[in-house]
C-alpha atoms as a PDB file:
ATOM      1  CA  MET A   1     -61.491 -20.898  13.521  1.00  0.00           C
ATOM      2  CA  ASN A   2     -58.377 -21.196  11.743  1.00  0.00           C
ATOM      3  CA  ASP A   3     -58.422 -24.643   9.109  1.00  0.00           C
ATOM      4  CA  ASN A   4     -54.434 -24.700   8.337  1.00  0.00           C
ATOM      5  CA  GLN A   5     -53.243 -27.080  10.915  1.00  0.00           C
ATOM      6  CA  ASN A   6     -49.555 -25.799  10.078  1.00  0.00           C
ATOM      7  CA  PRO A   7     -49.464 -21.936  10.165  1.00  0.00           C
ATOM      8  CA  VAL A   8     -46.983 -19.993   8.276  1.00  0.00           C
ATOM      9  CA  TYR A   9     -45.403 -17.509  10.576  1.00  0.00           C
ATOM     10  CA  TYR A  10     -42.648 -15.409   9.005  1.00  0.00           C
ATOM     11  CA  GLN A  11     -39.918 -13.487  10.657  1.00  0.00           C
ATOM     12  CA  GLN A  12     -39.890  -9.742  11.913  1.00  0.00           C
ATOM     13  CA  PRO A  13     -37.597  -7.763   9.725  1.00  0.00           C
ATOM     14  CA  GLN A  14     -34.486  -6.877  11.602  1.00  0.00           C
ATOM     15  CA  PRO A  15     -33.624  -2.880  11.792  1.00  0.00           C
ATOM     16  CA  GLU A  16     -30.634  -2.410  10.501  1.00  0.00           C
ATOM     17  CA  PRO A  17     -28.095  -1.851  13.289  1.00  0.00           C
ATOM     18  CA  PRO A  18     -26.853   2.241  13.902  1.00  0.00           C
ATOM     19  CA  LYS A  19     -23.768   3.211  11.785  1.00  0.00           C
ATOM     20  CA  GLU A  20     -21.106   3.579  13.898  1.00  0.00           C
ATOM     21  CA  LYS A  21     -19.913   7.629  14.089  1.00  0.00           C
ATOM     22  CA  ASN A  22     -16.793   8.783  12.858  1.00  0.00           C
ATOM     23  CA  GLY A  23     -15.682  11.857  15.104  1.00  0.00           C
ATOM     24  CA  MET A  24     -12.971  12.397  12.470  1.00  0.00           C
ATOM     25  CA  SER A  25     -15.920  13.545  10.243  1.00  0.00           C
ATOM     26  CA  VAL A  26     -18.033  15.856  12.887  1.00  0.00           C
ATOM     27  CA  ALA A  27     -14.075  17.269  13.117  1.00  0.00           C
ATOM     28  CA  SER A  28     -13.695  18.170   9.552  1.00  0.00           C
ATOM     29  CA  LEU A  29     -17.597  19.563   9.507  1.00  0.00           C
ATOM     30  CA  VAL A  30     -16.549  21.969  12.803  1.00  0.00           C
ATOM     31  CA  MET A  31     -13.177  23.394  11.926  1.00  0.00           C
ATOM     32  CA  GLY A  32     -14.795  23.697   7.902  1.00  0.00           C
ATOM     33  CA  ILE A  33     -17.363  25.761   9.733  1.00  0.00           C
ATOM     34  CA  VAL A  34     -15.144  27.939  11.341  1.00  0.00           C
ATOM     35  CA  GLY A  35     -12.519  27.986   8.857  1.00  0.00           C
ATOM     36  CA  LEU A  36     -15.476  29.443   6.651  1.00  0.00           C
ATOM     37  CA  THR A  37     -16.663  31.448   9.191  1.00  0.00           C
ATOM     38  CA  CYS A  38     -14.542  32.915  11.800  1.00  0.00           C
ATOM     39  CA  CYS A  39     -11.101  33.009  10.900  1.00  0.00           C
ATOM     40  CA  GLY A  40     -10.834  32.866   7.559  1.00  0.00           C
ATOM     41  CA  GLY A  41      -8.301  30.286   6.715  1.00  0.00           C
ATOM     42  CA  GLY A  42      -5.221  29.473   7.708  1.00  0.00           C
ATOM     43  CA  ILE A  43      -4.728  26.401  10.458  1.00  0.00           C
ATOM     44  CA  VAL A  44      -7.841  25.699  10.980  1.00  0.00           C
ATOM     45  CA  SER A  45      -9.697  24.870   7.282  1.00  0.00           C
ATOM     46  CA  ILE A  46      -5.785  22.578   7.200  1.00  0.00           C
ATOM     47  CA  LEU A  47      -7.354  20.816  10.018  1.00  0.00           C
ATOM     48  CA  ALA A  48     -10.363  20.799   8.355  1.00  0.00           C
ATOM     49  CA  ILE A  49      -8.834  18.669   5.328  1.00  0.00           C
ATOM     50  CA  VAL A  50      -6.830  16.885   7.448  1.00  0.00           C
ATOM     51  CA  PHE A  51      -9.638  15.302   9.594  1.00  0.00           C
ATOM     52  CA  ALA A  52     -12.015  14.020   6.720  1.00  0.00           C
ATOM     53  CA  VAL A  53      -8.922  12.706   4.801  1.00  0.00           C
ATOM     54  CA  ILE A  54      -8.108  10.491   8.542  1.00  0.00           C
ATOM     55  CA  SER A  55     -12.289  10.234   8.187  1.00  0.00           C
ATOM     56  CA  LYS A  56     -12.252   8.349   4.956  1.00  0.00           C
ATOM     57  CA  ASN A  57      -9.104   6.312   6.304  1.00  0.00           C
ATOM     58  CA  LYS A  58     -11.281   5.468   8.688  1.00  0.00           C
ATOM     59  CA  ASN A  59     -14.565   4.136   7.318  1.00  0.00           C
ATOM     60  CA  ALA A  60     -14.617   0.145   6.725  1.00  0.00           C
ATOM     61  CA  ASP A  61     -15.572   0.667   3.013  1.00  0.00           C
ATOM     62  CA  GLY A  62     -13.421   3.814   2.037  1.00  0.00           C
ATOM     63  CA  GLN A  63     -15.923   6.031   1.275  1.00  0.00           C
ATOM     64  CA  MET A  64     -16.272   9.691   2.972  1.00  0.00           C
ATOM     65  CA  ASP A  65     -19.689  10.359   4.220  1.00  0.00           C
ATOM     66  CA  GLY A  66     -21.911  13.484   3.995  1.00  0.00           C
ATOM     67  CA  MET A  67     -19.963  15.637   6.634  1.00  0.00           C
ATOM     68  CA  ALA A  68     -16.666  14.947   5.814  1.00  0.00           C
ATOM     69  CA  LYS A  69     -17.568  16.093   2.366  1.00  0.00           C
ATOM     70  CA  ALA A  70     -18.636  18.842   3.300  1.00  0.00           C
ATOM     71  CA  GLY A  71     -15.789  19.607   5.695  1.00  0.00           C
ATOM     72  CA  LEU A  72     -13.511  19.143   2.841  1.00  0.00           C
ATOM     73  CA  ILE A  73     -15.374  21.269   0.891  1.00  0.00           C
ATOM     74  CA  MET A  74     -15.263  24.320   3.478  1.00  0.00           C
ATOM     75  CA  GLY A  75     -12.057  23.996   4.369  1.00  0.00           C
ATOM     76  CA  ILE A  76     -10.905  24.213   0.674  1.00  0.00           C
ATOM     77  CA  VAL A  77     -13.418  26.762   0.072  1.00  0.00           C
ATOM     78  CA  ALA A  78     -11.368  28.660   3.010  1.00  0.00           C
ATOM     79  CA  VAL A  79      -7.993  27.846   1.681  1.00  0.00           C
ATOM     80  CA  VAL A  80      -8.047  28.882  -1.830  1.00  0.00           C
ATOM     81  CA  MET A  81      -9.810  32.403  -0.515  1.00  0.00           C
ATOM     82  CA  SER A  82      -7.007  32.833   1.795  1.00  0.00           C
ATOM     83  CA  VAL A  83      -4.080  32.493  -0.894  1.00  0.00           C
ATOM     84  CA  ILE A  84      -6.415  34.944  -2.844  1.00  0.00           C
ATOM     85  CA  VAL A  85      -7.008  37.983   0.343  1.00  0.00           C
ATOM     86  CA  ALA A  86      -2.485  37.214   1.028  1.00  0.00           C
ATOM     87  CA  ILE A  87      -2.012  37.798  -2.537  1.00  0.00           C
ATOM     88  CA  LEU A  88      -4.091  40.522  -3.062  1.00  0.00           C
ATOM     89  CA  SER A  89      -3.100  42.475   0.134  1.00  0.00           C
ATOM     90  CA  ALA A  90       0.793  41.773  -1.256  1.00  0.00           C
ATOM     91  CA  VAL A  91       0.191  42.890  -4.149  1.00  0.00           C
ATOM     92  CA  THR A  92      -2.064  46.221  -3.263  1.00  0.00           C
ATOM     93  CA  GLY A  93       0.857  47.036  -0.695  1.00  0.00           C
ATOM     94  CA  LEU A  94      -1.384  46.436   1.638  1.00  0.00           C
ATOM     95  CA  LEU A  95      -0.135  43.271   3.051  1.00  0.00           C
ATOM     96  CA  PRO A  96       2.894  45.175   5.805  1.00  0.00           C
ATOM     97  CA  LEU A  97      -0.111  47.693   7.264  1.00  0.00           C
ATOM     98  CA  LEU A  98      -2.197  44.949   8.358  1.00  0.00           C
ATOM     99  CA  LEU A  99       1.036  42.058   9.524  1.00  0.00           C
ATOM    100  CA  THR A 100       2.158  45.620  11.846  1.00  0.00           C
ATOM    101  CA  GLY A 101      -1.368  46.651  13.183  1.00  0.00           C
ATOM    102  CA  ASP A 102      -1.502  49.975  11.246  1.00  0.00           C
ATOM    103  CA  PHE A 103      -5.431  49.156  10.304  1.00  0.00           C
ATOM    104  CA  GLU A 104      -6.124  52.707   9.917  1.00  0.00           C
ATOM    105  CA  SER A 105      -3.340  53.923   7.555  1.00  0.00           C
ATOM    106  CA  ALA A 106      -4.387  50.855   5.762  1.00  0.00           C
ATOM    107  CA  LEU A 107      -7.699  51.305   4.901  1.00  0.00           C
ATOM    108  CA  GLU A 108      -6.464  55.493   4.895  1.00  0.00           C
ATOM    109  CA  SER A 109      -4.225  53.646   1.570  1.00  0.00           C
ATOM    110  CA  LEU A 110      -7.781  52.268   0.359  1.00  0.00           C
ATOM    111  CA  PHE A 111      -9.810  55.163  -0.174  1.00  0.00           C
END
């Protein structure tokens, strides 16, 4: 048997408690994806940036998690792309045609 009169019991390591989910970081990621793929910027991309900043402020350590960073980056890229497209449209004279919905005339003026 066991010759040791005083057995040593080791405490089992406890798993880390699950992190509290931050809904704003998820919202930032979703808005960043939607703004980058579907809408081409605009309000949705600005919302992605706003939600990422709110997510950072909500975290106890003041750090952005991965989802918020991704949403922030995609939101910034979509806003920059929107500004570039708006400038190019204004410079080439296509903006009035696109705003009136006359897409056929806009395409004809390009070619």
